[in-house]
Amino acid sequence: RGPVLIHCAAGKDRTGILAALTHHVAGVSDDDVIDDYLLTNDPVRFERRGPKFMEIIHELTGRTPTEAAVRAAMGVEAQYLAAAFAAMKDQFGSLDGYLEQAVGLNADTREAVRAHILL
């Protein structure tokens, strides 16, 4: 019991999808899930981490990426999450179908998670 931290050092997309699925389980509306996902694009995040990201790319490749390229790599678009959700729905019929068949969270487990989140 208690708070949970979802973190991936180099996986904003995996982390974002996991957070979005967690929101779905909690009953958050699709529009609010997208709005939360788009918070990844916070300009302060780029200001804080962008220069280091550019430096690492330069060290690894000998080339300096443009700021626009780094912003694109560090950012997200609503269509990214929409495409991930569409693929889950196409293959499993629904997000709940994905959670049950691919992840192993049946309806009872999802309800227990929802109740825990909404305490």
PDB file of N, CA and C in Angstrom:
ATOM      1  N   ARG A   1       0.838  -1.190   0.000  1.00  0.00           N
ATOM      2  CA  ARG A   1       0.000   0.000   0.000  1.00  0.00           C
ATOM      3  C   ARG A   1       0.874   1.241   0.000  1.00  0.00           C
ATOM      4  N   GLY A   2       0.404   2.274  -0.619  1.00  0.00           N
ATOM      5  CA  GLY A   2       1.138   3.527  -0.661  1.00  0.00           C
ATOM      6  C   GLY A   2       1.373   3.974  -2.083  1.00  0.00           C
ATOM      7  N   PRO A   3       2.114   5.043  -2.253  1.00  0.00           N
ATOM      8  CA  PRO A   3       2.370   5.581  -3.587  1.00  0.00           C
ATOM      9  C   PRO A   3       3.260   4.655  -4.408  1.00  0.00           C
ATOM     10  N   VAL A   4       3.182   4.835  -5.719  1.00  0.00           N
ATOM     11  CA  VAL A   4       3.991   4.065  -6.653  1.00  0.00           C
ATOM     12  C   VAL A   4       4.674   5.043  -7.592  1.00  0.00           C
ATOM     13  N   LEU A   5       5.944   4.812  -7.857  1.00  0.00           N
ATOM     14  CA  LEU A   5       6.699   5.617  -8.806  1.00  0.00           C
ATOM     15  C   LEU A   5       6.925   4.787 -10.056  1.00  0.00           C
ATOM     16  N   ILE A   6       6.546   5.333 -11.199  1.00  0.00           N
ATOM     17  CA  ILE A   6       6.815   4.690 -12.485  1.00  0.00           C
ATOM     18  C   ILE A   6       7.974   5.460 -13.098  1.00  0.00           C
ATOM     19  N   HIS A   7       9.060   4.768 -13.411  1.00  0.00           N
ATOM     20  CA  HIS A   7      10.243   5.458 -13.909  1.00  0.00           C
ATOM     21  C   HIS A   7      10.989   4.566 -14.879  1.00  0.00           C
ATOM     22  N   CYS A   8      11.509   5.164 -15.925  1.00  0.00           N
ATOM     23  CA  CYS A   8      12.386   4.468 -16.857  1.00  0.00           C
ATOM     24  C   CYS A   8      13.415   5.485 -17.318  1.00  0.00           C
ATOM     25  N   ALA A   9      14.669   5.203 -17.102  1.00  0.00           N
ATOM     26  CA  ALA A   9      15.736   6.166 -17.380  1.00  0.00           C
ATOM     27  C   ALA A   9      15.776   6.604 -18.839  1.00  0.00           C
ATOM     28  N   ALA A  10      15.428   5.725 -19.754  1.00  0.00           N
ATOM     29  CA  ALA A  10      15.490   6.083 -21.168  1.00  0.00           C
ATOM     30  C   ALA A  10      14.238   5.631 -21.904  1.00  0.00           C
ATOM     31  N   GLY A  11      13.103   5.692 -21.249  1.00  0.00           N
ATOM     32  CA  GLY A  11      11.912   5.154 -21.875  1.00  0.00           C
ATOM     33  C   GLY A  11      10.661   5.967 -21.657  1.00  0.00           C
ATOM     34  N   LYS A  12      10.685   7.228 -22.062  1.00  0.00           N
ATOM     35  CA  LYS A  12       9.502   8.069 -21.851  1.00  0.00           C
ATOM     36  C   LYS A  12       8.272   7.475 -22.519  1.00  0.00           C
ATOM     37  N   ASP A  13       8.462   6.763 -23.612  1.00  0.00           N
ATOM     38  CA  ASP A  13       7.316   6.190 -24.311  1.00  0.00           C
ATOM     39  C   ASP A  13       6.734   5.018 -23.525  1.00  0.00           C
ATOM     40  N   ARG A  14       7.595   4.123 -23.058  1.00  0.00           N
ATOM     41  CA  ARG A  14       7.112   3.001 -22.237  1.00  0.00           C
ATOM     42  C   ARG A  14       6.488   3.515 -20.955  1.00  0.00           C
ATOM     43  N   THR A  15       7.151   4.466 -20.327  1.00  0.00           N
ATOM     44  CA  THR A  15       6.643   5.028 -19.076  1.00  0.00           C
ATOM     45  C   THR A  15       5.313   5.734 -19.314  1.00  0.00           C
ATOM     46  N   GLY A  16       5.226   6.487 -20.393  1.00  0.00           N
ATOM     47  CA  GLY A  16       3.994   7.203 -20.712  1.00  0.00           C
ATOM     48  C   GLY A  16       2.829   6.270 -20.978  1.00  0.00           C
ATOM     49  N   ILE A  17       3.094   5.172 -21.679  1.00  0.00           N
ATOM     50  CA  ILE A  17       2.026   4.214 -21.958  1.00  0.00           C
ATOM     51  C   ILE A  17       1.589   3.527 -20.669  1.00  0.00           C
ATOM     52  N   LEU A  18       2.543   3.164 -19.813  1.00  0.00           N
ATOM     53  CA  LEU A  18       2.178   2.547 -18.537  1.00  0.00           C
ATOM     54  C   LEU A  18       1.357   3.512 -17.683  1.00  0.00           C
ATOM     55  N   ALA A  19       1.765   4.770 -17.640  1.00  0.00           N
ATOM     56  CA  ALA A  19       1.002   5.765 -16.873  1.00  0.00           C
ATOM     57  C   ALA A  19      -0.394   5.936 -17.468  1.00  0.00           C
ATOM     58  N   ALA A  20      -0.489   5.969 -18.793  1.00  0.00           N
ATOM     59  CA  ALA A  20      -1.789   6.127 -19.450  1.00  0.00           C
ATOM     60  C   ALA A  20      -2.696   4.927 -19.169  1.00  0.00           C
ATOM     61  N   LEU A  21      -2.141   3.725 -19.207  1.00  0.00           N
ATOM     62  CA  LEU A  21      -2.945   2.539 -18.894  1.00  0.00           C
ATOM     63  C   LEU A  21      -3.386   2.544 -17.432  1.00  0.00           C
ATOM     64  N   THR A  22      -2.525   3.025 -16.560  1.00  0.00           N
ATOM     65  CA  THR A  22      -2.888   3.142 -15.147  1.00  0.00           C
ATOM     66  C   THR A  22      -4.040   4.128 -14.977  1.00  0.00           C
ATOM     67  N   HIS A  23      -3.968   5.251 -15.693  1.00  0.00           N
ATOM     68  CA  HIS A  23      -5.075   6.210 -15.668  1.00  0.00           C
ATOM     69  C   HIS A  23      -6.364   5.559 -16.183  1.00  0.00           C
ATOM     70  N   HIS A  24      -6.236   4.783 -17.251  1.00  0.00           N
ATOM     71  CA  HIS A  24      -7.408   4.089 -17.801  1.00  0.00           C
ATOM     72  C   HIS A  24      -8.035   3.179 -16.745  1.00  0.00           C
ATOM     73  N   VAL A  25      -7.209   2.401 -16.079  1.00  0.00           N
ATOM     74  CA  VAL A  25      -7.713   1.505 -15.028  1.00  0.00           C
ATOM     75  C   VAL A  25      -8.430   2.306 -13.944  1.00  0.00           C
ATOM     76  N   ALA A  26      -7.913   3.498 -13.649  1.00  0.00           N
ATOM     77  CA  ALA A  26      -8.518   4.343 -12.607  1.00  0.00           C
ATOM     78  C   ALA A  26      -9.808   5.013 -13.068  1.00  0.00           C
ATOM     79  N   GLY A  27     -10.124   4.891 -14.367  1.00  0.00           N
ATOM     80  CA  GLY A  27     -11.359   5.474 -14.873  1.00  0.00           C
ATOM     81  C   GLY A  27     -11.221   6.892 -15.388  1.00  0.00           C
ATOM     82  N   VAL A  28     -10.000   7.342 -15.612  1.00  0.00           N
ATOM     83  CA  VAL A  28      -9.760   8.687 -16.131  1.00  0.00           C
ATOM     84  C   VAL A  28     -10.228   8.743 -17.588  1.00  0.00           C
ATOM     85  N   SER A  29     -10.853   9.842 -17.984  1.00  0.00           N
ATOM     86  CA  SER A  29     -11.349   9.985 -19.357  1.00  0.00           C
ATOM     87  C   SER A  29     -10.187   9.993 -20.344  1.00  0.00           C
ATOM     88  N   ASP A  30     -10.469   9.557 -21.577  1.00  0.00           N
ATOM     89  CA  ASP A  30      -9.428   9.525 -22.607  1.00  0.00           C
ATOM     90  C   ASP A  30      -8.813  10.902 -22.833  1.00  0.00           C
ATOM     91  N   ASP A  31      -9.644  11.946 -22.849  1.00  0.00           N
ATOM     92  CA  ASP A  31      -9.128  13.305 -23.057  1.00  0.00           C
ATOM     93  C   ASP A  31      -8.167  13.703 -21.943  1.00  0.00           C
ATOM     94  N   ASP A  32      -8.500  13.367 -20.711  1.00  0.00           N
ATOM     95  CA  ASP A  32      -7.614  13.701 -19.591  1.00  0.00           C
ATOM     96  C   ASP A  32      -6.338  12.864 -19.618  1.00  0.00           C
ATOM     97  N   VAL A  33      -6.439  11.619 -20.084  1.00  0.00           N
ATOM     98  CA  VAL A  33      -5.238  10.781 -20.229  1.00  0.00           C
ATOM     99  C   VAL A  33      -4.287  11.434 -21.225  1.00  0.00           C
ATOM    100  N   ILE A  34      -4.820  11.882 -22.355  1.00  0.00           N
ATOM    101  CA  ILE A  34      -3.992  12.547 -23.377  1.00  0.00           C
ATOM    102  C   ILE A  34      -3.384  13.828 -22.811  1.00  0.00           C
ATOM    103  N   ASP A  35      -4.180  14.634 -22.134  1.00  0.00           N
ATOM    104  CA  ASP A  35      -3.664  15.883 -21.550  1.00  0.00           C
ATOM    105  C   ASP A  35      -2.510  15.602 -20.598  1.00  0.00           C
ATOM    106  N   ASP A  36      -2.640  14.569 -19.778  1.00  0.00           N
ATOM    107  CA  ASP A  36      -1.572  14.220 -18.843  1.00  0.00           C
ATOM    108  C   ASP A  36      -0.329  13.755 -19.596  1.00  0.00           C
ATOM    109  N   TYR A  37      -0.514  12.939 -20.618  1.00  0.00           N
ATOM    110  CA  TYR A  37       0.594  12.441 -21.444  1.00  0.00           C
ATOM    111  C   TYR A  37       1.375  13.605 -22.057  1.00  0.00           C
ATOM    112  N   LEU A  38       0.657  14.623 -22.488  1.00  0.00           N
ATOM    113  CA  LEU A  38       1.297  15.772 -23.137  1.00  0.00           C
ATOM    114  C   LEU A  38       2.085  16.651 -22.168  1.00  0.00           C
ATOM    115  N   LEU A  39       1.936  16.445 -20.871  1.00  0.00           N
ATOM    116  CA  LEU A  39       2.750  17.189 -19.898  1.00  0.00           C
ATOM    117  C   LEU A  39       4.234  16.869 -20.044  1.00  0.00           C
ATOM    118  N   THR A  40       4.551  15.767 -20.731  1.00  0.00           N
ATOM    119  CA  THR A  40       5.944  15.432 -21.036  1.00  0.00           C
ATOM    120  C   THR A  40       6.617  16.574 -21.791  1.00  0.00           C
ATOM    121  N   ASN A  41       5.848  17.349 -22.529  1.00  0.00           N
ATOM    122  CA  ASN A  41       6.397  18.430 -23.346  1.00  0.00           C
ATOM    123  C   ASN A  41       6.676  19.708 -22.562  1.00  0.00           C
ATOM    124  N   ASP A  42       6.683  19.644 -21.261  1.00  0.00           N
ATOM    125  CA  ASP A  42       6.966  20.809 -20.415  1.00  0.00           C
ATOM    126  C   ASP A  42       8.285  21.457 -20.854  1.00  0.00           C
ATOM    127  N   PRO A  43       8.265  22.738 -21.242  1.00  0.00           N
ATOM    128  CA  PRO A  43       9.488  23.387 -21.722  1.00  0.00           C
ATOM    129  C   PRO A  43      10.604  23.423 -20.677  1.00  0.00           C
ATOM    130  N   VAL A  44      10.260  23.461 -19.414  1.00  0.00           N
ATOM    131  CA  VAL A  44      11.285  23.472 -18.364  1.00  0.00           C
ATOM    132  C   VAL A  44      12.075  22.170 -18.396  1.00  0.00           C
ATOM    133  N   ARG A  45      11.415  21.075 -18.718  1.00  0.00           N
ATOM    134  CA  ARG A  45      12.095  19.776 -18.820  1.00  0.00           C
ATOM    135  C   ARG A  45      13.181  19.833 -19.890  1.00  0.00           C
ATOM    136  N   PHE A  46      12.860  20.444 -21.044  1.00  0.00           N
ATOM    137  CA  PHE A  46      13.874  20.551 -22.095  1.00  0.00           C
ATOM    138  C   PHE A  46      15.009  21.463 -21.653  1.00  0.00           C
ATOM    139  N   GLU A  47      14.682  22.590 -21.068  1.00  0.00           N
ATOM    140  CA  GLU A  47      15.725  23.525 -20.627  1.00  0.00           C
ATOM    141  C   GLU A  47      16.680  22.861 -19.645  1.00  0.00           C
ATOM    142  N   ARG A  48      16.148  21.998 -18.802  1.00  0.00           N
ATOM    143  CA  ARG A  48      16.956  21.344 -17.783  1.00  0.00           C
ATOM    144  C   ARG A  48      17.784  20.195 -18.369  1.00  0.00           C
ATOM    145  N   ARG A  49      17.199  19.407 -19.280  1.00  0.00           N
ATOM    146  CA  ARG A  49      17.862  18.194 -19.737  1.00  0.00           C
ATOM    147  C   ARG A  49      18.343  18.236 -21.180  1.00  0.00           C
ATOM    148  N   GLY A  50      17.798  19.150 -21.982  1.00  0.00           N
ATOM    149  CA  GLY A  50      18.132  19.202 -23.399  1.00  0.00           C
ATOM    150  C   GLY A  50      19.608  19.381 -23.697  1.00  0.00           C
ATOM    151  N   PRO A  51      20.280  20.364 -23.078  1.00  0.00           N
ATOM    152  CA  PRO A  51      21.698  20.557 -23.374  1.00  0.00           C
ATOM    153  C   PRO A  51      22.550  19.314 -23.082  1.00  0.00           C
ATOM    154  N   LYS A  52      22.277  18.621 -21.998  1.00  0.00           N
ATOM    155  CA  LYS A  52      23.030  17.402 -21.672  1.00  0.00           C
ATOM    156  C   LYS A  52      22.747  16.317 -22.700  1.00  0.00           C
ATOM    157  N   PHE A  53      21.503  16.207 -23.112  1.00  0.00           N
ATOM    158  CA  PHE A  53      21.112  15.245 -24.136  1.00  0.00           C
ATOM    159  C   PHE A  53      21.889  15.523 -25.427  1.00  0.00           C
ATOM    160  N   MET A  54      21.969  16.804 -25.818  1.00  0.00           N
ATOM    161  CA  MET A  54      22.700  17.188 -27.029  1.00  0.00           C
ATOM    162  C   MET A  54      24.183  16.856 -26.893  1.00  0.00           C
ATOM    163  N   GLU A  55      24.730  17.099 -25.718  1.00  0.00           N
ATOM    164  CA  GLU A  55      26.145  16.816 -25.457  1.00  0.00           C
ATOM    165  C   GLU A  55      26.434  15.317 -25.584  1.00  0.00           C
ATOM    166  N   ILE A  56      25.585  14.499 -25.034  1.00  0.00           N
ATOM    167  CA  ILE A  56      25.781  13.047 -25.100  1.00  0.00           C
ATOM    168  C   ILE A  56      25.712  12.559 -26.543  1.00  0.00           C
ATOM    169  N   ILE A  57      24.760  13.070 -27.303  1.00  0.00           N
ATOM    170  CA  ILE A  57      24.658  12.681 -28.713  1.00  0.00           C
ATOM    171  C   ILE A  57      25.922  13.081 -29.455  1.00  0.00           C
ATOM    172  N   HIS A  58      26.429  14.281 -29.175  1.00  0.00           N
ATOM    173  CA  HIS A  58      27.665  14.729 -29.820  1.00  0.00           C
ATOM    174  C   HIS A  58      28.834  13.813 -29.449  1.00  0.00           C
ATOM    175  N   GLU A  59      28.942  13.458 -28.176  1.00  0.00           N
ATOM    176  CA  GLU A  59      30.027  12.573 -27.735  1.00  0.00           C
ATOM    177  C   GLU A  59      29.946  11.206 -28.414  1.00  0.00           C
ATOM    178  N   LEU A  60      28.745  10.695 -28.600  1.00  0.00           N
ATOM    179  CA  LEU A  60      28.571   9.366 -29.180  1.00  0.00           C
ATOM    180  C   LEU A  60      28.720   9.346 -30.695  1.00  0.00           C
ATOM    181  N   THR A  61      28.329  10.443 -31.350  1.00  0.00           N
ATOM    182  CA  THR A  61      28.285  10.431 -32.816  1.00  0.00           C
ATOM    183  C   THR A  61      29.256  11.393 -33.480  1.00  0.00           C
ATOM    184  N   GLY A  62      29.770  12.355 -32.710  1.00  0.00           N
ATOM    185  CA  GLY A  62      30.608  13.389 -33.304  1.00  0.00           C
ATOM    186  C   GLY A  62      29.804  14.461 -34.010  1.00  0.00           C
ATOM    187  N   ARG A  63      28.499  14.380 -33.927  1.00  0.00           N
ATOM    188  CA  ARG A  63      27.626  15.360 -34.564  1.00  0.00           C
ATOM    189  C   ARG A  63      26.744  16.001 -33.506  1.00  0.00           C
ATOM    190  N   THR A  64      26.450  17.263 -33.713  1.00  0.00           N
ATOM    191  CA  THR A  64      25.579  17.971 -32.781  1.00  0.00           C
ATOM    192  C   THR A  64      24.184  18.056 -33.388  1.00  0.00           C
ATOM    193  N   PRO A  65      23.193  17.493 -32.714  1.00  0.00           N
ATOM    194  CA  PRO A  65      21.836  17.555 -33.250  1.00  0.00           C
ATOM    195  C   PRO A  65      21.269  18.965 -33.126  1.00  0.00           C
ATOM    196  N   THR A  66      20.290  19.254 -33.944  1.00  0.00           N
ATOM    197  CA  THR A  66      19.614  20.541 -33.820  1.00  0.00           C
ATOM    198  C   THR A  66      18.732  20.523 -32.577  1.00  0.00           C
ATOM    199  N   GLU A  67      18.432  21.701 -32.087  1.00  0.00           N
ATOM    200  CA  GLU A  67      17.532  21.798 -30.942  1.00  0.00           C
ATOM    201  C   GLU A  67      16.168  21.199 -31.290  1.00  0.00           C
ATOM    202  N   ALA A  68      15.714  21.431 -32.521  1.00  0.00           N
ATOM    203  CA  ALA A  68      14.413  20.891 -32.939  1.00  0.00           C
ATOM    204  C   ALA A  68      14.415  19.361 -32.904  1.00  0.00           C
ATOM    205  N   ALA A  69      15.512  18.750 -33.331  1.00  0.00           N
ATOM    206  CA  ALA A  69      15.601  17.288 -33.313  1.00  0.00           C
ATOM    207  C   ALA A  69      15.572  16.755 -31.889  1.00  0.00           C
ATOM    208  N   VAL A  70      16.266  17.438 -30.992  1.00  0.00           N
ATOM    209  CA  VAL A  70      16.297  17.001 -29.595  1.00  0.00           C
ATOM    210  C   VAL A  70      14.932  17.197 -28.948  1.00  0.00           C
ATOM    211  N   ARG A  71      14.287  18.314 -29.247  1.00  0.00           N
ATOM    212  CA  ARG A  71      12.938  18.530 -28.704  1.00  0.00           C
ATOM    213  C   ARG A  71      11.987  17.433 -29.195  1.00  0.00           C
ATOM    214  N   ALA A  72      12.116  17.050 -30.461  1.00  0.00           N
ATOM    215  CA  ALA A  72      11.266  15.984 -31.005  1.00  0.00           C
ATOM    216  C   ALA A  72      11.557  14.652 -30.313  1.00  0.00           C
ATOM    217  N   ALA A  73      12.817  14.362 -30.067  1.00  0.00           N
ATOM    218  CA  ALA A  73      13.190  13.104 -29.408  1.00  0.00           C
ATOM    219  C   ALA A  73      12.737  13.065 -27.958  1.00  0.00           C
ATOM    220  N   MET A  74      12.771  14.204 -27.295  1.00  0.00           N
ATOM    221  CA  MET A  74      12.403  14.266 -25.880  1.00  0.00           C
ATOM    222  C   MET A  74      10.901  14.448 -25.667  1.00  0.00           C
ATOM    223  N   GLY A  75      10.208  14.871 -26.702  1.00  0.00           N
ATOM    224  CA  GLY A  75       8.794  15.194 -26.557  1.00  0.00           C
ATOM    225  C   GLY A  75       7.874  14.069 -26.989  1.00  0.00           C
ATOM    226  N   VAL A  76       6.590  14.334 -26.879  1.00  0.00           N
ATOM    227  CA  VAL A  76       5.567  13.383 -27.309  1.00  0.00           C
ATOM    228  C   VAL A  76       4.497  14.126 -28.101  1.00  0.00           C
ATOM    229  N   GLU A  77       3.741  13.373 -28.849  1.00  0.00           N
ATOM    230  CA  GLU A  77       2.589  13.885 -29.588  1.00  0.00           C
ATOM    231  C   GLU A  77       1.382  13.046 -29.178  1.00  0.00           C
ATOM    232  N   ALA A  78       0.219  13.644 -29.170  1.00  0.00           N
ATOM    233  CA  ALA A  78      -0.999  12.907 -28.816  1.00  0.00           C
ATOM    234  C   ALA A  78      -1.175  11.686 -29.709  1.00  0.00           C
ATOM    235  N   GLN A  79      -0.775  11.813 -30.970  1.00  0.00           N
ATOM    236  CA  GLN A  79      -0.953  10.705 -31.915  1.00  0.00           C
ATOM    237  C   GLN A  79      -0.108   9.485 -31.546  1.00  0.00           C
ATOM    238  N   TYR A  80       0.999   9.666 -30.814  1.00  0.00           N
ATOM    239  CA  TYR A  80       1.811   8.516 -30.391  1.00  0.00           C
ATOM    240  C   TYR A  80       0.995   7.612 -29.472  1.00  0.00           C
ATOM    241  N   LEU A  81       0.377   8.210 -28.461  1.00  0.00           N
ATOM    242  CA  LEU A  81      -0.425   7.434 -27.521  1.00  0.00           C
ATOM    243  C   LEU A  81      -1.670   6.887 -28.214  1.00  0.00           C
ATOM    244  N   ALA A  82      -2.272   7.699 -29.071  1.00  0.00           N
ATOM    245  CA  ALA A  82      -3.455   7.241 -29.804  1.00  0.00           C
ATOM    246  C   ALA A  82      -3.115   6.016 -30.657  1.00  0.00           C
ATOM    247  N   ALA A  83      -1.940   6.015 -31.288  1.00  0.00           N
ATOM    248  CA  ALA A  83      -1.528   4.873 -32.114  1.00  0.00           C
ATOM    249  C   ALA A  83      -1.281   3.630 -31.263  1.00  0.00           C
ATOM    250  N   ALA A  84      -0.663   3.808 -30.109  1.00  0.00           N
ATOM    251  CA  ALA A  84      -0.428   2.667 -29.211  1.00  0.00           C
ATOM    252  C   ALA A  84      -1.755   2.078 -28.752  1.00  0.00           C
ATOM    253  N   PHE A  85      -2.676   2.941 -28.348  1.00  0.00           N
ATOM    254  CA  PHE A  85      -3.984   2.466 -27.902  1.00  0.00           C
ATOM    255  C   PHE A  85      -4.747   1.803 -29.051  1.00  0.00           C
ATOM    256  N   ALA A  86      -4.647   2.361 -30.253  1.00  0.00           N
ATOM    257  CA  ALA A  86      -5.332   1.771 -31.410  1.00  0.00           C
ATOM    258  C   ALA A  86      -4.793   0.370 -31.696  1.00  0.00           C
ATOM    259  N   ALA A  87      -3.479   0.195 -31.588  1.00  0.00           N
ATOM    260  CA  ALA A  87      -2.886  -1.130 -31.810  1.00  0.00           C
ATOM    261  C   ALA A  87      -3.375  -2.126 -30.762  1.00  0.00           C
ATOM    262  N   MET A  88      -3.460  -1.685 -29.516  1.00  0.00           N
ATOM    263  CA  MET A  88      -3.962  -2.564 -28.450  1.00  0.00           C
ATOM    264  C   MET A  88      -5.414  -2.955 -28.716  1.00  0.00           C
ATOM    265  N   LYS A  89      -6.211  -1.970 -29.121  1.00  0.00           N
ATOM    266  CA  LYS A  89      -7.630  -2.232 -29.393  1.00  0.00           C
ATOM    267  C   LYS A  89      -7.797  -3.142 -30.610  1.00  0.00           C
ATOM    268  N   ASP A  90      -6.984  -2.916 -31.654  1.00  0.00           N
ATOM    269  CA  ASP A  90      -7.060  -3.757 -32.851  1.00  0.00           C
ATOM    270  C   ASP A  90      -6.743  -5.213 -32.519  1.00  0.00           C
ATOM    271  N   GLN A  91      -5.717  -5.425 -31.717  1.00  0.00           N
ATOM    272  CA  GLN A  91      -5.280  -6.785 -31.423  1.00  0.00           C
ATOM    273  C   GLN A  91      -6.104  -7.465 -30.329  1.00  0.00           C
ATOM    274  N   PHE A  92      -6.579  -6.684 -29.355  1.00  0.00           N
ATOM    275  CA  PHE A  92      -7.233  -7.282 -28.190  1.00  0.00           C
ATOM    276  C   PHE A  92      -8.687  -6.842 -28.000  1.00  0.00           C
ATOM    277  N   GLY A  93      -9.201  -6.008 -28.910  1.00  0.00           N
ATOM    278  CA  GLY A  93     -10.597  -5.591 -28.847  1.00  0.00           C
ATOM    279  C   GLY A  93     -10.864  -4.354 -28.014  1.00  0.00           C
ATOM    280  N   SER A  94     -10.055  -4.130 -26.995  1.00  0.00           N
ATOM    281  CA  SER A  94     -10.224  -2.973 -26.116  1.00  0.00           C
ATOM    282  C   SER A  94      -8.974  -2.847 -25.250  1.00  0.00           C
ATOM    283  N   LEU A  95      -8.880  -1.729 -24.546  1.00  0.00           N
ATOM    284  CA  LEU A  95      -7.762  -1.579 -23.609  1.00  0.00           C
ATOM    285  C   LEU A  95      -7.885  -2.581 -22.471  1.00  0.00           C
ATOM    286  N   ASP A  96      -9.104  -2.814 -22.012  1.00  0.00           N
ATOM    287  CA  ASP A  96      -9.291  -3.817 -20.966  1.00  0.00           C
ATOM    288  C   ASP A  96      -8.916  -5.209 -21.479  1.00  0.00           C
ATOM    289  N   GLY A  97      -9.228  -5.484 -22.742  1.00  0.00           N
ATOM    290  CA  GLY A  97      -8.821  -6.757 -23.349  1.00  0.00           C
ATOM    291  C   GLY A  97      -7.312  -6.896 -23.375  1.00  0.00           C
ATOM    292  N   TYR A  98      -6.617  -5.810 -23.721  1.00  0.00           N
ATOM    293  CA  TYR A  98      -5.148  -5.821 -23.699  1.00  0.00           C
ATOM    294  C   TYR A  98      -4.642  -6.087 -22.286  1.00  0.00           C
ATOM    295  N   LEU A  99      -5.200  -5.355 -21.320  1.00  0.00           N
ATOM    296  CA  LEU A  99      -4.748  -5.515 -19.936  1.00  0.00           C
ATOM    297  C   LEU A  99      -4.985  -6.940 -19.443  1.00  0.00           C
ATOM    298  N   GLU A 100      -6.080  -7.537 -19.863  1.00  0.00           N
ATOM    299  CA  GLU A 100      -6.384  -8.897 -19.411  1.00  0.00           C
ATOM    300  C   GLU A 100      -5.534  -9.935 -20.138  1.00  0.00           C
ATOM    301  N   GLN A 101      -5.494  -9.862 -21.472  1.00  0.00           N
ATOM    302  CA  GLN A 101      -4.846 -10.910 -22.261  1.00  0.00           C
ATOM    303  C   GLN A 101      -3.330 -10.767 -22.339  1.00  0.00           C
ATOM    304  N   ALA A 102      -2.836  -9.552 -22.487  1.00  0.00           N
ATOM    305  CA  ALA A 102      -1.391  -9.357 -22.656  1.00  0.00           C
ATOM    306  C   ALA A 102      -0.670  -9.138 -21.330  1.00  0.00           C
ATOM    307  N   VAL A 103      -1.340  -8.458 -20.406  1.00  0.00           N
ATOM    308  CA  VAL A 103      -0.693  -8.096 -19.140  1.00  0.00           C
ATOM    309  C   VAL A 103      -1.074  -9.061 -18.021  1.00  0.00           C
ATOM    310  N   GLY A 104      -2.255  -9.644 -18.119  1.00  0.00           N
ATOM    311  CA  GLY A 104      -2.702 -10.575 -17.091  1.00  0.00           C
ATOM    312  C   GLY A 104      -3.519  -9.946 -15.979  1.00  0.00           C
ATOM    313  N   LEU A 105      -4.060  -8.747 -16.224  1.00  0.00           N
ATOM    314  CA  LEU A 105      -4.905  -8.083 -15.226  1.00  0.00           C
ATOM    315  C   LEU A 105      -6.370  -8.350 -15.552  1.00  0.00           C
ATOM    316  N   ASN A 106      -6.972  -9.305 -14.852  1.00  0.00           N
ATOM    317  CA  ASN A 106      -8.379  -9.592 -15.101  1.00  0.00           C
ATOM    318  C   ASN A 106      -9.248  -8.495 -14.486  1.00  0.00           C
ATOM    319  N   ALA A 107     -10.548  -8.591 -14.702  1.00  0.00           N
ATOM    320  CA  ALA A 107     -11.465  -7.535 -14.244  1.00  0.00           C
ATOM    321  C   ALA A 107     -11.396  -7.337 -12.734  1.00  0.00           C
ATOM    322  N   ASP A 108     -11.295  -8.424 -11.981  1.00  0.00           N
ATOM    323  CA  ASP A 108     -11.217  -8.297 -10.519  1.00  0.00           C
ATOM    324  C   ASP A 108      -9.942  -7.576 -10.089  1.00  0.00           C
ATOM    325  N   THR A 109      -8.836  -7.911 -10.739  1.00  0.00           N
ATOM    326  CA  THR A 109      -7.564  -7.256 -10.401  1.00  0.00           C
ATOM    327  C   THR A 109      -7.601  -5.790 -10.787  1.00  0.00           C
ATOM    328  N   ARG A 110      -8.158  -5.485 -11.972  1.00  0.00           N
ATOM    329  CA  ARG A 110      -8.268  -4.083 -12.387  1.00  0.00           C
ATOM    330  C   ARG A 110      -9.127  -3.303 -11.400  1.00  0.00           C
ATOM    331  N   GLU A 111     -10.201  -3.904 -10.933  1.00  0.00           N
ATOM    332  CA  GLU A 111     -11.066  -3.221  -9.963  1.00  0.00           C
ATOM    333  C   GLU A 111     -10.333  -3.002  -8.641  1.00  0.00           C
ATOM    334  N   ALA A 112      -9.537  -3.969  -8.224  1.00  0.00           N
ATOM    335  CA  ALA A 112      -8.753  -3.811  -6.986  1.00  0.00           C
ATOM    336  C   ALA A 112      -7.726  -2.694  -7.144  1.00  0.00           C
ATOM    337  N   VAL A 113      -7.082  -2.635  -8.312  1.00  0.00           N
ATOM    338  CA  VAL A 113      -6.116  -1.556  -8.579  1.00  0.00           C
ATOM    339  C   VAL A 113      -6.845  -0.218  -8.592  1.00  0.00           C
ATOM    340  N   ARG A 114      -7.989  -0.154  -9.264  1.00  0.00           N
ATOM    341  CA  ARG A 114      -8.775   1.085  -9.328  1.00  0.00           C
ATOM    342  C   ARG A 114      -9.144   1.550  -7.915  1.00  0.00           C
ATOM    343  N   ALA A 115      -9.626   0.630  -7.101  1.00  0.00           N
ATOM    344  CA  ALA A 115     -10.019   0.980  -5.732  1.00  0.00           C
ATOM    345  C   ALA A 115      -8.821   1.480  -4.930  1.00  0.00           C
ATOM    346  N   HIS A 116      -7.666   0.864  -5.146  1.00  0.00           N
ATOM    347  CA  HIS A 116      -6.462   1.289  -4.430  1.00  0.00           C
ATOM    348  C   HIS A 116      -6.035   2.694  -4.863  1.00  0.00           C
ATOM    349  N   ILE A 117      -6.086   2.941  -6.168  1.00  0.00           N
ATOM    350  CA  ILE A 117      -5.692   4.254  -6.690  1.00  0.00           C
ATOM    351  C   ILE A 117      -6.625   5.342  -6.171  1.00  0.00           C
ATOM    352  N   LEU A 118      -7.903   5.037  -6.089  1.00  0.00           N
ATOM    353  CA  LEU A 118      -8.903   6.044  -5.749  1.00  0.00           C
ATOM    354  C   LEU A 118      -9.187   6.150  -4.258  1.00  0.00           C
ATOM    355  N   LEU A 119      -8.352   5.541  -3.434  1.00  0.00           N
ATOM    356  CA  LEU A 119      -8.539   5.638  -1.974  1.00  0.00           C
ATOM    357  C   LEU A 119      -8.638   7.059  -1.512  1.00  0.00           C
TER     358      LEU A 119
END
